[in-house]
């Protein structure tokens, strides 16, 4: 279903509403900052965000409900920030620390809106059902390459495949392994079915991507057996109540590592990219880029195309090139 385009009048109205909200929130933040007085500036981590409310964890592991100054940017889950304590449970964020990575998506006006920061791994979740889309998978992989975050391809619900079907199904992803991507089979129901995933999550800050129905929620629940207890703790600390379950949250995994669960990622799609960025996003293309006869080669029909020649020599798979050409057409429009 095509996304409905907003009229100029609707955009103007939305901008006016958002500006009014920003001024109101900034007024609250200035009031909090005034109440903070001469309290020292501290470093903290954004563990949870819902709307304008931030849950910031201090060095001792205590969570504070914080307002944020609007001029500093848009702090998101995973961000390191500078903040000042107001009282025993609240504070105000005054600065945003540099990010090592950020996952964003365009808003209604086309501007990039951050979803999560300082991620070190994208976990792309697929499953036998719904049927995996190579086109969507390649979008996720291009995103990972563009923002510089290593991806992990996790095939969930592998227990649905009996006999030799599991091996046959996993062979479909062999081309991705051959170009350097890690592909694992997981099952939230099978005994020890999560062991390999847990090993790949240790010492990393991960976020899961994947279309509806692949079992992301089941995996999160299996990885975080005490999630209800943790959600209750966060709710009490931030005052978010029932909103806690719909907030972007960074959870600490029992076996090590962190997992960011963000509602905004559920509808995530590839952001606008230039042709050069798209080319670099297909990692097996890189050795051949710049070797085409024509500098503006589309890699579709031109003579002397190095990418086409690499495909004919089986160094690039046809389906990956097809997906590149399809994404190129979308980017040009």
C-alpha atoms as a PDB file:
ATOM      1  CA  UNK A   1       0.000   0.000   0.000  1.00  0.00           C
ATOM      2  CA  UNK A   2       1.455   3.359  -1.037  1.00  0.00           C
ATOM      3  CA  UNK A   3       2.238   5.832   1.698  1.00  0.00           C
ATOM      4  CA  UNK A   4      -0.203   8.771   1.690  1.00  0.00           C
ATOM      5  CA  UNK A   5       1.500  12.047   0.777  1.00  0.00           C
ATOM      6  CA  UNK A   6       0.829  15.031   3.018  1.00  0.00           C
ATOM      7  CA  UNK A   7      -0.355  18.282   1.493  1.00  0.00           C
ATOM      8  CA  UNK A   8       1.614  21.488   2.026  1.00  0.00           C
ATOM      9  CA  UNK A   9      -1.123  22.742   4.349  1.00  0.00           C
ATOM     10  CA  UNK A  10      -0.993  19.535   6.415  1.00  0.00           C
ATOM     11  CA  UNK A  11       2.801  19.755   6.683  1.00  0.00           C
ATOM     12  CA  UNK A  12       2.591  23.377   7.807  1.00  0.00           C
ATOM     13  CA  UNK A  13      -0.001  22.467  10.438  1.00  0.00           C
ATOM     14  CA  UNK A  14       2.107  19.561  11.733  1.00  0.00           C
ATOM     15  CA  UNK A  15       5.196  21.779  11.908  1.00  0.00           C
ATOM     16  CA  UNK A  16       3.255  24.411  13.892  1.00  0.00           C
ATOM     17  CA  UNK A  17       1.992  21.787  16.359  1.00  0.00           C
ATOM     18  CA  UNK A  18       5.478  20.316  16.786  1.00  0.00           C
ATOM     19  CA  UNK A  19       7.025  23.752  17.281  1.00  0.00           C
ATOM     20  CA  UNK A  20       4.470  24.506  19.993  1.00  0.00           C
ATOM     21  CA  UNK A  21       5.308  21.214  21.708  1.00  0.00           C
ATOM     22  CA  UNK A  22       9.051  21.894  21.436  1.00  0.00           C
ATOM     23  CA  UNK A  23       8.666  25.303  23.095  1.00  0.00           C
ATOM     24  CA  UNK A  24       6.568  23.817  25.893  1.00  0.00           C
ATOM     25  CA  UNK A  25       9.073  21.014  26.492  1.00  0.00           C
ATOM     26  CA  UNK A  26      12.025  23.391  26.374  1.00  0.00           C
ATOM     27  CA  UNK A  27      10.318  25.585  28.945  1.00  0.00           C
ATOM     28  CA  UNK A  28      10.006  22.555  31.246  1.00  0.00           C
ATOM     29  CA  UNK A  29      13.664  21.681  30.658  1.00  0.00           C
ATOM     30  CA  UNK A  30      14.789  25.242  31.473  1.00  0.00           C
ATOM     31  CA  UNK A  31      12.770  25.096  34.684  1.00  0.00           C
ATOM     32  CA  UNK A  32      14.422  21.781  35.600  1.00  0.00           C
ATOM     33  CA  UNK A  33      17.833  23.235  34.794  1.00  0.00           C
ATOM     34  CA  UNK A  34      17.123  26.188  37.073  1.00  0.00           C
ATOM     35  CA  UNK A  35      16.178  23.775  39.858  1.00  0.00           C
ATOM     36  CA  UNK A  36      19.397  21.802  39.271  1.00  0.00           C
ATOM     37  CA  UNK A  37      21.345  24.909  40.278  1.00  0.00           C
ATOM     38  CA  UNK A  38      25.039  24.221  40.746  1.00  0.00           C
ATOM     39  CA  UNK A  39      24.715  20.426  40.757  1.00  0.00           C
ATOM     40  CA  UNK A  40      27.684  18.887  38.920  1.00  0.00           C
ATOM     41  CA  UNK A  41      27.450  17.777  35.287  1.00  0.00           C
ATOM     42  CA  UNK A  42      27.367  13.985  35.056  1.00  0.00           C
ATOM     43  CA  UNK A  43      27.655  11.418  32.274  1.00  0.00           C
ATOM     44  CA  UNK A  44      24.801   8.975  31.774  1.00  0.00           C
ATOM     45  CA  UNK A  45      23.234   6.573  29.288  1.00  0.00           C
ATOM     46  CA  UNK A  46      19.751   6.840  27.805  1.00  0.00           C
ATOM     47  CA  UNK A  47      18.183   3.488  28.657  1.00  0.00           C
ATOM     48  CA  UNK A  48      14.591   4.280  27.740  1.00  0.00           C
ATOM     49  CA  UNK A  49      12.774   6.935  25.722  1.00  0.00           C
ATOM     50  CA  UNK A  50       9.061   7.536  25.312  1.00  0.00           C
ATOM     51  CA  UNK A  51       8.086  10.791  23.636  1.00  0.00           C
ATOM     52  CA  UNK A  52       9.962  13.563  25.439  1.00  0.00           C
ATOM     53  CA  UNK A  53      10.660  11.470  28.546  1.00  0.00           C
ATOM     54  CA  UNK A  54      14.138   9.988  28.938  1.00  0.00           C
ATOM     55  CA  UNK A  55      15.271   7.373  31.414  1.00  0.00           C
ATOM     56  CA  UNK A  56      18.950   8.134  32.060  1.00  0.00           C
ATOM     57  CA  UNK A  57      21.128   5.699  34.008  1.00  0.00           C
ATOM     58  CA  UNK A  58      23.978   7.082  36.100  1.00  0.00           C
ATOM     59  CA  UNK A  59      27.360   5.471  36.793  1.00  0.00           C
ATOM     60  CA  UNK A  60      25.911   3.612  39.810  1.00  0.00           C
ATOM     61  CA  UNK A  61      23.124   2.021  37.776  1.00  0.00           C
ATOM     62  CA  UNK A  62      20.290   4.220  39.111  1.00  0.00           C
ATOM     63  CA  UNK A  63      17.672   5.447  36.648  1.00  0.00           C
ATOM     64  CA  UNK A  64      16.460   9.057  36.551  1.00  0.00           C
ATOM     65  CA  UNK A  65      13.491  10.540  34.697  1.00  0.00           C
ATOM     66  CA  UNK A  66      14.888  13.409  32.634  1.00  0.00           C
ATOM     67  CA  UNK A  67      13.763  16.323  30.510  1.00  0.00           C
ATOM     68  CA  UNK A  68      16.041  17.487  27.694  1.00  0.00           C
ATOM     69  CA  UNK A  69      16.997  20.849  26.231  1.00  0.00           C
ATOM     70  CA  UNK A  70      15.711  21.015  22.653  1.00  0.00           C
ATOM     71  CA  UNK A  71      18.754  22.729  21.154  1.00  0.00           C
ATOM     72  CA  UNK A  72      21.067  19.779  21.894  1.00  0.00           C
ATOM     73  CA  UNK A  73      19.466  17.504  19.279  1.00  0.00           C
ATOM     74  CA  UNK A  74      17.347  14.385  19.669  1.00  0.00           C
ATOM     75  CA  UNK A  75      18.696  11.960  22.317  1.00  0.00           C
ATOM     76  CA  UNK A  76      17.600   8.377  21.723  1.00  0.00           C
ATOM     77  CA  UNK A  77      17.972   4.995  23.341  1.00  0.00           C
ATOM     78  CA  UNK A  78      21.677   4.067  23.570  1.00  0.00           C
ATOM     79  CA  UNK A  79      22.957   7.641  23.643  1.00  0.00           C
ATOM     80  CA  UNK A  80      25.575   8.843  26.106  1.00  0.00           C
ATOM     81  CA  UNK A  81      24.599  12.236  27.500  1.00  0.00           C
ATOM     82  CA  UNK A  82      25.662  14.940  29.939  1.00  0.00           C
ATOM     83  CA  UNK A  83      23.006  15.660  32.552  1.00  0.00           C
ATOM     84  CA  UNK A  84      22.383  17.349  35.884  1.00  0.00           C
ATOM     85  CA  UNK A  85      20.450  15.899  38.793  1.00  0.00           C
ATOM     86  CA  UNK A  86      17.447  17.921  40.015  1.00  0.00           C
ATOM     87  CA  UNK A  87      16.290  15.730  42.909  1.00  0.00           C
ATOM     88  CA  UNK A  88      16.358  12.074  43.982  1.00  0.00           C
ATOM     89  CA  UNK A  89      14.526  10.846  40.880  1.00  0.00           C
ATOM     90  CA  UNK A  90      14.674  13.523  38.156  1.00  0.00           C
ATOM     91  CA  UNK A  91      17.221  15.418  36.083  1.00  0.00           C
ATOM     92  CA  UNK A  92      17.784  17.408  32.907  1.00  0.00           C
ATOM     93  CA  UNK A  93      19.934  16.442  29.908  1.00  0.00           C
ATOM     94  CA  UNK A  94      22.139  19.321  28.768  1.00  0.00           C
ATOM     95  CA  UNK A  95      24.400  17.810  26.089  1.00  0.00           C
ATOM     96  CA  UNK A  96      24.631  14.876  23.714  1.00  0.00           C
ATOM     97  CA  UNK A  97      27.909  12.948  23.489  1.00  0.00           C
ATOM     98  CA  UNK A  98      29.353  11.975  20.057  1.00  0.00           C
ATOM     99  CA  UNK A  99      27.816   8.799  18.624  1.00  0.00           C
ATOM    100  CA  UNK A 100      29.731   5.870  17.195  1.00  0.00           C
ATOM    101  CA  UNK A 101      26.667   4.918  15.114  1.00  0.00           C
ATOM    102  CA  UNK A 102      23.024   5.899  14.671  1.00  0.00           C
ATOM    103  CA  UNK A 103      20.067   4.138  13.064  1.00  0.00           C
ATOM    104  CA  UNK A 104      17.621   6.627  11.514  1.00  0.00           C
ATOM    105  CA  UNK A 105      14.570   6.758   9.296  1.00  0.00           C
ATOM    106  CA  UNK A 106      13.043   9.694   7.389  1.00  0.00           C
ATOM    107  CA  UNK A 107      10.095  11.525   8.960  1.00  0.00           C
ATOM    108  CA  UNK A 108       7.140  13.022   7.079  1.00  0.00           C
ATOM    109  CA  UNK A 109       9.319  15.903   5.817  1.00  0.00           C
ATOM    110  CA  UNK A 110      12.169  13.661   4.657  1.00  0.00           C
ATOM    111  CA  UNK A 111      14.515  14.593   7.503  1.00  0.00           C
ATOM    112  CA  UNK A 112      16.324  11.746   9.216  1.00  0.00           C
ATOM    113  CA  UNK A 113      14.925  10.934  12.649  1.00  0.00           C
ATOM    114  CA  UNK A 114      17.262   8.902  14.924  1.00  0.00           C
ATOM    115  CA  UNK A 115      15.813   5.670  16.346  1.00  0.00           C
ATOM    116  CA  UNK A 116      18.755   4.285  18.346  1.00  0.00           C
ATOM    117  CA  UNK A 117      22.426   5.156  18.859  1.00  0.00           C
ATOM    118  CA  UNK A 118      25.791   3.516  19.547  1.00  0.00           C
ATOM    119  CA  UNK A 119      24.649   0.172  18.158  1.00  0.00           C
ATOM    120  CA  UNK A 120      27.391  -2.322  17.323  1.00  0.00           C
ATOM    121  CA  UNK A 121      25.278  -4.996  15.577  1.00  0.00           C
ATOM    122  CA  UNK A 122      22.125  -5.206  13.456  1.00  0.00           C
ATOM    123  CA  UNK A 123      20.321  -8.534  13.867  1.00  0.00           C
ATOM    124  CA  UNK A 124      18.264  -9.176  10.734  1.00  0.00           C
ATOM    125  CA  UNK A 125      15.559 -11.716  11.605  1.00  0.00           C
ATOM    126  CA  UNK A 126      14.023 -13.912   8.899  1.00  0.00           C
ATOM    127  CA  UNK A 127      11.875 -17.056   9.113  1.00  0.00           C
ATOM    128  CA  UNK A 128      10.550 -19.832   6.837  1.00  0.00           C
ATOM    129  CA  UNK A 129       7.140 -18.148   7.184  1.00  0.00           C
ATOM    130  CA  UNK A 130       6.486 -15.486   6.083  1.00  0.00           C
ATOM    131  CA  UNK A 131       8.536 -16.325   3.002  1.00  0.00           C
ATOM    132  CA  UNK A 132      11.876 -14.497   3.239  1.00  0.00           C
ATOM    133  CA  UNK A 133      12.257 -11.550   0.885  1.00  0.00           C
ATOM    134  CA  UNK A 134      15.731 -11.255  -0.601  1.00  0.00           C
ATOM    135  CA  UNK A 135      14.855  -7.725  -1.681  1.00  0.00           C
ATOM    136  CA  UNK A 136      14.054  -6.687   1.907  1.00  0.00           C
ATOM    137  CA  UNK A 137      17.108  -8.536   3.252  1.00  0.00           C
ATOM    138  CA  UNK A 138      19.349  -6.640   0.832  1.00  0.00           C
ATOM    139  CA  UNK A 139      17.794  -3.345   1.968  1.00  0.00           C
ATOM    140  CA  UNK A 140      18.698  -4.188   5.557  1.00  0.00           C
ATOM    141  CA  UNK A 141      22.240  -5.182   4.561  1.00  0.00           C
ATOM    142  CA  UNK A 142      22.752  -1.971   2.563  1.00  0.00           C
ATOM    143  CA  UNK A 143      21.574  -0.023   5.628  1.00  0.00           C
ATOM    144  CA  UNK A 144      24.079  -1.857   7.831  1.00  0.00           C
ATOM    145  CA  UNK A 145      26.924  -1.146   5.409  1.00  0.00           C
ATOM    146  CA  UNK A 146      25.934   2.503   4.988  1.00  0.00           C
ATOM    147  CA  UNK A 147      25.936   3.275   8.721  1.00  0.00           C
ATOM    148  CA  UNK A 148      28.901   1.015   9.439  1.00  0.00           C
ATOM    149  CA  UNK A 149      27.250  -1.536  11.742  1.00  0.00           C
ATOM    150  CA  UNK A 150      28.087  -5.252  11.235  1.00  0.00           C
ATOM    151  CA  UNK A 151      24.943  -7.300  10.455  1.00  0.00           C
ATOM    152  CA  UNK A 152      23.968 -10.749  11.672  1.00  0.00           C
ATOM    153  CA  UNK A 153      21.381 -12.740   9.691  1.00  0.00           C
ATOM    154  CA  UNK A 154      19.311 -14.871  12.086  1.00  0.00           C
ATOM    155  CA  UNK A 155      16.895 -17.428  10.602  1.00  0.00           C
ATOM    156  CA  UNK A 156      14.212 -17.863  13.269  1.00  0.00           C
ATOM    157  CA  UNK A 157      11.573 -20.629  13.645  1.00  0.00           C
ATOM    158  CA  UNK A 158      14.012 -23.124  12.180  1.00  0.00           C
ATOM    159  CA  UNK A 159      12.169 -25.776  14.234  1.00  0.00           C
ATOM    160  CA  UNK A 160       9.275 -25.525  11.747  1.00  0.00           C
ATOM    161  CA  UNK A 161      11.415 -27.339   9.184  1.00  0.00           C
ATOM    162  CA  UNK A 162      11.770 -31.083   9.677  1.00  0.00           C
ATOM    163  CA  UNK A 163      14.073 -33.666   8.152  1.00  0.00           C
ATOM    164  CA  UNK A 164      16.316 -32.372   5.391  1.00  0.00           C
ATOM    165  CA  UNK A 165      14.212 -29.247   4.826  1.00  0.00           C
ATOM    166  CA  UNK A 166      16.194 -27.277   7.387  1.00  0.00           C
ATOM    167  CA  UNK A 167      19.488 -27.875   5.591  1.00  0.00           C
ATOM    168  CA  UNK A 168      17.901 -27.142   2.223  1.00  0.00           C
ATOM    169  CA  UNK A 169      16.368 -23.901   3.487  1.00  0.00           C
ATOM    170  CA  UNK A 170      19.635 -22.674   5.032  1.00  0.00           C
ATOM    171  CA  UNK A 171      21.451 -23.343   1.725  1.00  0.00           C
ATOM    172  CA  UNK A 172      19.438 -20.487   0.231  1.00  0.00           C
ATOM    173  CA  UNK A 173      21.570 -18.102   2.285  1.00  0.00           C
ATOM    174  CA  UNK A 174      24.913 -19.600   1.283  1.00  0.00           C
ATOM    175  CA  UNK A 175      25.591 -16.716  -1.171  1.00  0.00           C
ATOM    176  CA  UNK A 176      25.480 -14.327   1.791  1.00  0.00           C
ATOM    177  CA  UNK A 177      27.925 -16.452   3.770  1.00  0.00           C
ATOM    178  CA  UNK A 178      30.240 -16.569   0.743  1.00  0.00           C
ATOM    179  CA  UNK A 179      30.574 -12.766   0.702  1.00  0.00           C
ATOM    180  CA  UNK A 180      31.312 -12.581   4.421  1.00  0.00           C
ATOM    181  CA  UNK A 181      28.008 -12.321   6.286  1.00  0.00           C
ATOM    182  CA  UNK A 182      27.261 -14.462   9.336  1.00  0.00           C
ATOM    183  CA  UNK A 183      24.085 -16.539   8.987  1.00  0.00           C
ATOM    184  CA  UNK A 184      22.719 -18.619  11.889  1.00  0.00           C
ATOM    185  CA  UNK A 185      19.610 -20.707  12.514  1.00  0.00           C
ATOM    186  CA  UNK A 186      17.736 -20.076  15.775  1.00  0.00           C
ATOM    187  CA  UNK A 187      14.613 -21.287  17.557  1.00  0.00           C
ATOM    188  CA  UNK A 188      12.976 -19.782  20.619  1.00  0.00           C
ATOM    189  CA  UNK A 189      11.208 -23.132  21.233  1.00  0.00           C
ATOM    190  CA  UNK A 190      13.932 -25.712  20.603  1.00  0.00           C
ATOM    191  CA  UNK A 191      16.237 -26.648  23.498  1.00  0.00           C
ATOM    192  CA  UNK A 192      19.604 -24.891  23.065  1.00  0.00           C
ATOM    193  CA  UNK A 193      18.126 -23.214  19.999  1.00  0.00           C
ATOM    194  CA  UNK A 194      19.281 -19.809  21.205  1.00  0.00           C
ATOM    195  CA  UNK A 195      22.840 -20.738  22.154  1.00  0.00           C
ATOM    196  CA  UNK A 196      24.407 -19.575  18.898  1.00  0.00           C
ATOM    197  CA  UNK A 197      22.427 -16.322  18.936  1.00  0.00           C
ATOM    198  CA  UNK A 198      23.411 -15.647  22.558  1.00  0.00           C
ATOM    199  CA  UNK A 199      27.081 -16.177  21.660  1.00  0.00           C
ATOM    200  CA  UNK A 200      26.751 -13.637  18.846  1.00  0.00           C
ATOM    201  CA  UNK A 201      25.079 -11.065  21.126  1.00  0.00           C
ATOM    202  CA  UNK A 202      27.717 -11.115  23.873  1.00  0.00           C
ATOM    203  CA  UNK A 203      29.688  -7.885  24.351  1.00  0.00           C
ATOM    204  CA  UNK A 204      27.609  -6.106  21.669  1.00  0.00           C
ATOM    205  CA  UNK A 205      24.777  -3.593  21.624  1.00  0.00           C
ATOM    206  CA  UNK A 206      22.296  -5.106  19.167  1.00  0.00           C
ATOM    207  CA  UNK A 207      18.980  -4.150  17.628  1.00  0.00           C
ATOM    208  CA  UNK A 208      16.617  -6.476  15.740  1.00  0.00           C
ATOM    209  CA  UNK A 209      15.140  -5.749  12.317  1.00  0.00           C
ATOM    210  CA  UNK A 210      12.656  -7.878  10.408  1.00  0.00           C
ATOM    211  CA  UNK A 211       9.222  -7.948   8.840  1.00  0.00           C
ATOM    212  CA  UNK A 212       6.087  -8.702  10.838  1.00  0.00           C
ATOM    213  CA  UNK A 213       5.588 -12.369  11.714  1.00  0.00           C
ATOM    214  CA  UNK A 214       9.219 -13.512  11.841  1.00  0.00           C
ATOM    215  CA  UNK A 215       9.117 -13.841  15.640  1.00  0.00           C
ATOM    216  CA  UNK A 216      11.173 -10.880  16.881  1.00  0.00           C
ATOM    217  CA  UNK A 217       9.005 -10.524  20.002  1.00  0.00           C
ATOM    218  CA  UNK A 218       9.330 -14.240  20.792  1.00  0.00           C
ATOM    219  CA  UNK A 219      13.103 -13.992  20.507  1.00  0.00           C
ATOM    220  CA  UNK A 220      13.225 -10.924  22.757  1.00  0.00           C
ATOM    221  CA  UNK A 221      11.076 -12.678  25.376  1.00  0.00           C
ATOM    222  CA  UNK A 222      13.239 -15.801  25.218  1.00  0.00           C
ATOM    223  CA  UNK A 223      16.444 -13.780  25.534  1.00  0.00           C
ATOM    224  CA  UNK A 224      15.027 -11.733  28.427  1.00  0.00           C
ATOM    225  CA  UNK A 225      13.199 -14.170  30.741  1.00  0.00           C
ATOM    226  CA  UNK A 226      12.906 -11.481  33.438  1.00  0.00           C
ATOM    227  CA  UNK A 227      11.600  -8.841  31.016  1.00  0.00           C
ATOM    228  CA  UNK A 228       8.354  -8.274  32.956  1.00  0.00           C
ATOM    229  CA  UNK A 229      10.314  -7.612  36.141  1.00  0.00           C
ATOM    230  CA  UNK A 230      12.694  -5.294  34.281  1.00  0.00           C
ATOM    231  CA  UNK A 231       9.796  -3.456  32.618  1.00  0.00           C
ATOM    232  CA  UNK A 232       8.184  -2.935  36.031  1.00  0.00           C
ATOM    233  CA  UNK A 233      11.423  -1.528  37.421  1.00  0.00           C
ATOM    234  CA  UNK A 234      11.753   0.881  34.516  1.00  0.00           C
ATOM    235  CA  UNK A 235       8.107   1.885  34.867  1.00  0.00           C
ATOM    236  CA  UNK A 236       8.539   2.737  38.549  1.00  0.00           C
ATOM    237  CA  UNK A 237      11.732   4.685  37.908  1.00  0.00           C
ATOM    238  CA  UNK A 238      10.490   6.735  34.962  1.00  0.00           C
ATOM    239  CA  UNK A 239       6.796   7.061  35.811  1.00  0.00           C
ATOM    240  CA  UNK A 240       5.836   5.882  32.328  1.00  0.00           C
ATOM    241  CA  UNK A 241       3.414   3.234  33.603  1.00  0.00           C
ATOM    242  CA  UNK A 242       1.771   1.265  30.793  1.00  0.00           C
ATOM    243  CA  UNK A 243       3.744   3.272  28.206  1.00  0.00           C
ATOM    244  CA  UNK A 244       6.936   1.450  29.209  1.00  0.00           C
ATOM    245  CA  UNK A 245       6.120  -1.504  26.947  1.00  0.00           C
ATOM    246  CA  UNK A 246       5.857   0.788  23.896  1.00  0.00           C
ATOM    247  CA  UNK A 247       8.987   2.812  24.659  1.00  0.00           C
ATOM    248  CA  UNK A 248      12.364   2.358  23.000  1.00  0.00           C
ATOM    249  CA  UNK A 249      14.359   0.480  25.639  1.00  0.00           C
ATOM    250  CA  UNK A 250      17.909  -0.795  26.074  1.00  0.00           C
ATOM    251  CA  UNK A 251      17.940  -4.095  27.993  1.00  0.00           C
ATOM    252  CA  UNK A 252      20.972  -5.818  29.511  1.00  0.00           C
ATOM    253  CA  UNK A 253      21.099  -9.481  28.477  1.00  0.00           C
ATOM    254  CA  UNK A 254      21.701 -12.047  31.259  1.00  0.00           C
ATOM    255  CA  UNK A 255      24.537 -13.726  29.335  1.00  0.00           C
ATOM    256  CA  UNK A 256      26.176 -10.412  28.403  1.00  0.00           C
ATOM    257  CA  UNK A 257      25.562  -7.698  25.845  1.00  0.00           C
ATOM    258  CA  UNK A 258      22.678  -5.301  25.333  1.00  0.00           C
ATOM    259  CA  UNK A 259      19.532  -5.464  23.218  1.00  0.00           C
ATOM    260  CA  UNK A 260      17.661  -2.336  22.123  1.00  0.00           C
ATOM    261  CA  UNK A 261      13.959  -2.908  21.506  1.00  0.00           C
ATOM    262  CA  UNK A 262      12.458   0.027  19.609  1.00  0.00           C
ATOM    263  CA  UNK A 263       8.905   0.266  18.199  1.00  0.00           C
ATOM    264  CA  UNK A 264      10.196   2.564  15.441  1.00  0.00           C
ATOM    265  CA  UNK A 265      12.292  -0.257  13.980  1.00  0.00           C
ATOM    266  CA  UNK A 266       9.227  -2.420  13.264  1.00  0.00           C
ATOM    267  CA  UNK A 267       8.346  -0.284  10.247  1.00  0.00           C
ATOM    268  CA  UNK A 268      11.933   0.494   9.299  1.00  0.00           C
ATOM    269  CA  UNK A 269      12.854   0.833   5.636  1.00  0.00           C
ATOM    270  CA  UNK A 270      15.920   1.922   3.708  1.00  0.00           C
ATOM    271  CA  UNK A 271      16.549   5.669   3.762  1.00  0.00           C
ATOM    272  CA  UNK A 272      17.319   7.700   0.626  1.00  0.00           C
ATOM    273  CA  UNK A 273      20.776   6.916  -0.746  1.00  0.00           C
ATOM    274  CA  UNK A 274      22.861   8.162  -3.623  1.00  0.00           C
ATOM    275  CA  UNK A 275      23.903   5.739  -6.370  1.00  0.00           C
ATOM    276  CA  UNK A 276      27.463   5.697  -4.964  1.00  0.00           C
ATOM    277  CA  UNK A 277      26.218   4.832  -1.459  1.00  0.00           C
ATOM    278  CA  UNK A 278      23.998   2.106  -2.887  1.00  0.00           C
ATOM    279  CA  UNK A 279      26.917   0.623  -4.848  1.00  0.00           C
ATOM    280  CA  UNK A 280      29.092   0.569  -1.712  1.00  0.00           C
ATOM    281  CA  UNK A 281      26.240  -1.104   0.182  1.00  0.00           C
ATOM    282  CA  UNK A 282      26.653  -4.243  -1.950  1.00  0.00           C
ATOM    283  CA  UNK A 283      30.006  -5.356  -0.563  1.00  0.00           C
ATOM    284  CA  UNK A 284      30.835  -7.818  -3.350  1.00  0.00           C
ATOM    285  CA  UNK A 285      30.601  -4.954  -5.877  1.00  0.00           C
ATOM    286  CA  UNK A 286      33.451  -3.012  -4.288  1.00  0.00           C
ATOM    287  CA  UNK A 287      36.439  -4.676  -6.034  1.00  0.00           C
ATOM    288  CA  UNK A 288      34.858  -3.911  -9.432  1.00  0.00           C
ATOM    289  CA  UNK A 289      33.638  -0.356  -8.897  1.00  0.00           C
ATOM    290  CA  UNK A 290      35.472   2.181 -11.024  1.00  0.00           C
ATOM    291  CA  UNK A 291      36.419  -0.422 -13.640  1.00  0.00           C
ATOM    292  CA  UNK A 292      33.408  -0.013 -15.939  1.00  0.00           C
ATOM    293  CA  UNK A 293      33.990   1.501 -19.402  1.00  0.00           C
ATOM    294  CA  UNK A 294      31.632   4.394 -18.597  1.00  0.00           C
ATOM    295  CA  UNK A 295      32.000   6.390 -15.384  1.00  0.00           C
ATOM    296  CA  UNK A 296      28.208   6.698 -14.987  1.00  0.00           C
ATOM    297  CA  UNK A 297      27.514   3.037 -15.745  1.00  0.00           C
ATOM    298  CA  UNK A 298      24.165   1.849 -14.382  1.00  0.00           C
ATOM    299  CA  UNK A 299      25.400  -1.805 -14.341  1.00  0.00           C
ATOM    300  CA  UNK A 300      22.329  -2.767 -16.337  1.00  0.00           C
ATOM    301  CA  UNK A 301      22.934  -2.848 -20.087  1.00  0.00           C
ATOM    302  CA  UNK A 302      26.087  -0.845 -20.889  1.00  0.00           C
ATOM    303  CA  UNK A 303      29.000  -2.536 -22.737  1.00  0.00           C
ATOM    304  CA  UNK A 304      32.173  -2.965 -20.737  1.00  0.00           C
ATOM    305  CA  UNK A 305      30.372  -3.123 -17.371  1.00  0.00           C
ATOM    306  CA  UNK A 306      32.690  -4.647 -14.751  1.00  0.00           C
ATOM    307  CA  UNK A 307      29.753  -5.580 -12.496  1.00  0.00           C
ATOM    308  CA  UNK A 308      27.990  -7.484 -15.279  1.00  0.00           C
ATOM    309  CA  UNK A 309      31.275  -9.230 -16.147  1.00  0.00           C
ATOM    310  CA  UNK A 310      31.725 -10.234 -12.484  1.00  0.00           C
ATOM    311  CA  UNK A 311      28.221 -11.717 -12.478  1.00  0.00           C
ATOM    312  CA  UNK A 312      29.017 -13.744 -15.583  1.00  0.00           C
ATOM    313  CA  UNK A 313      32.104 -15.094 -13.785  1.00  0.00           C
ATOM    314  CA  UNK A 314      29.906 -16.033 -10.761  1.00  0.00           C
ATOM    315  CA  UNK A 315      31.621 -13.467  -8.507  1.00  0.00           C
ATOM    316  CA  UNK A 316      28.298 -11.642  -8.086  1.00  0.00           C
ATOM    317  CA  UNK A 317      24.992 -13.507  -7.874  1.00  0.00           C
ATOM    318  CA  UNK A 318      22.226 -12.545 -10.334  1.00  0.00           C
ATOM    319  CA  UNK A 319      19.625 -11.980  -7.610  1.00  0.00           C
ATOM    320  CA  UNK A 320      21.857  -9.484  -5.780  1.00  0.00           C
ATOM    321  CA  UNK A 321      22.448  -7.533  -8.990  1.00  0.00           C
ATOM    322  CA  UNK A 322      18.711  -7.624  -9.722  1.00  0.00           C
ATOM    323  CA  UNK A 323      17.975  -6.206  -6.278  1.00  0.00           C
ATOM    324  CA  UNK A 324      20.608  -3.496  -6.760  1.00  0.00           C
ATOM    325  CA  UNK A 325      19.005  -2.443 -10.058  1.00  0.00           C
ATOM    326  CA  UNK A 326      15.557  -2.438  -8.466  1.00  0.00           C
ATOM    327  CA  UNK A 327      16.783  -0.257  -5.571  1.00  0.00           C
ATOM    328  CA  UNK A 328      18.542   2.025  -8.067  1.00  0.00           C
ATOM    329  CA  UNK A 329      15.277   2.662  -9.882  1.00  0.00           C
ATOM    330  CA  UNK A 330      13.567   3.509  -6.573  1.00  0.00           C
ATOM    331  CA  UNK A 331      16.428   5.870  -5.619  1.00  0.00           C
ATOM    332  CA  UNK A 332      16.177   7.732  -8.933  1.00  0.00           C
ATOM    333  CA  UNK A 333      12.544   8.502  -8.281  1.00  0.00           C
END
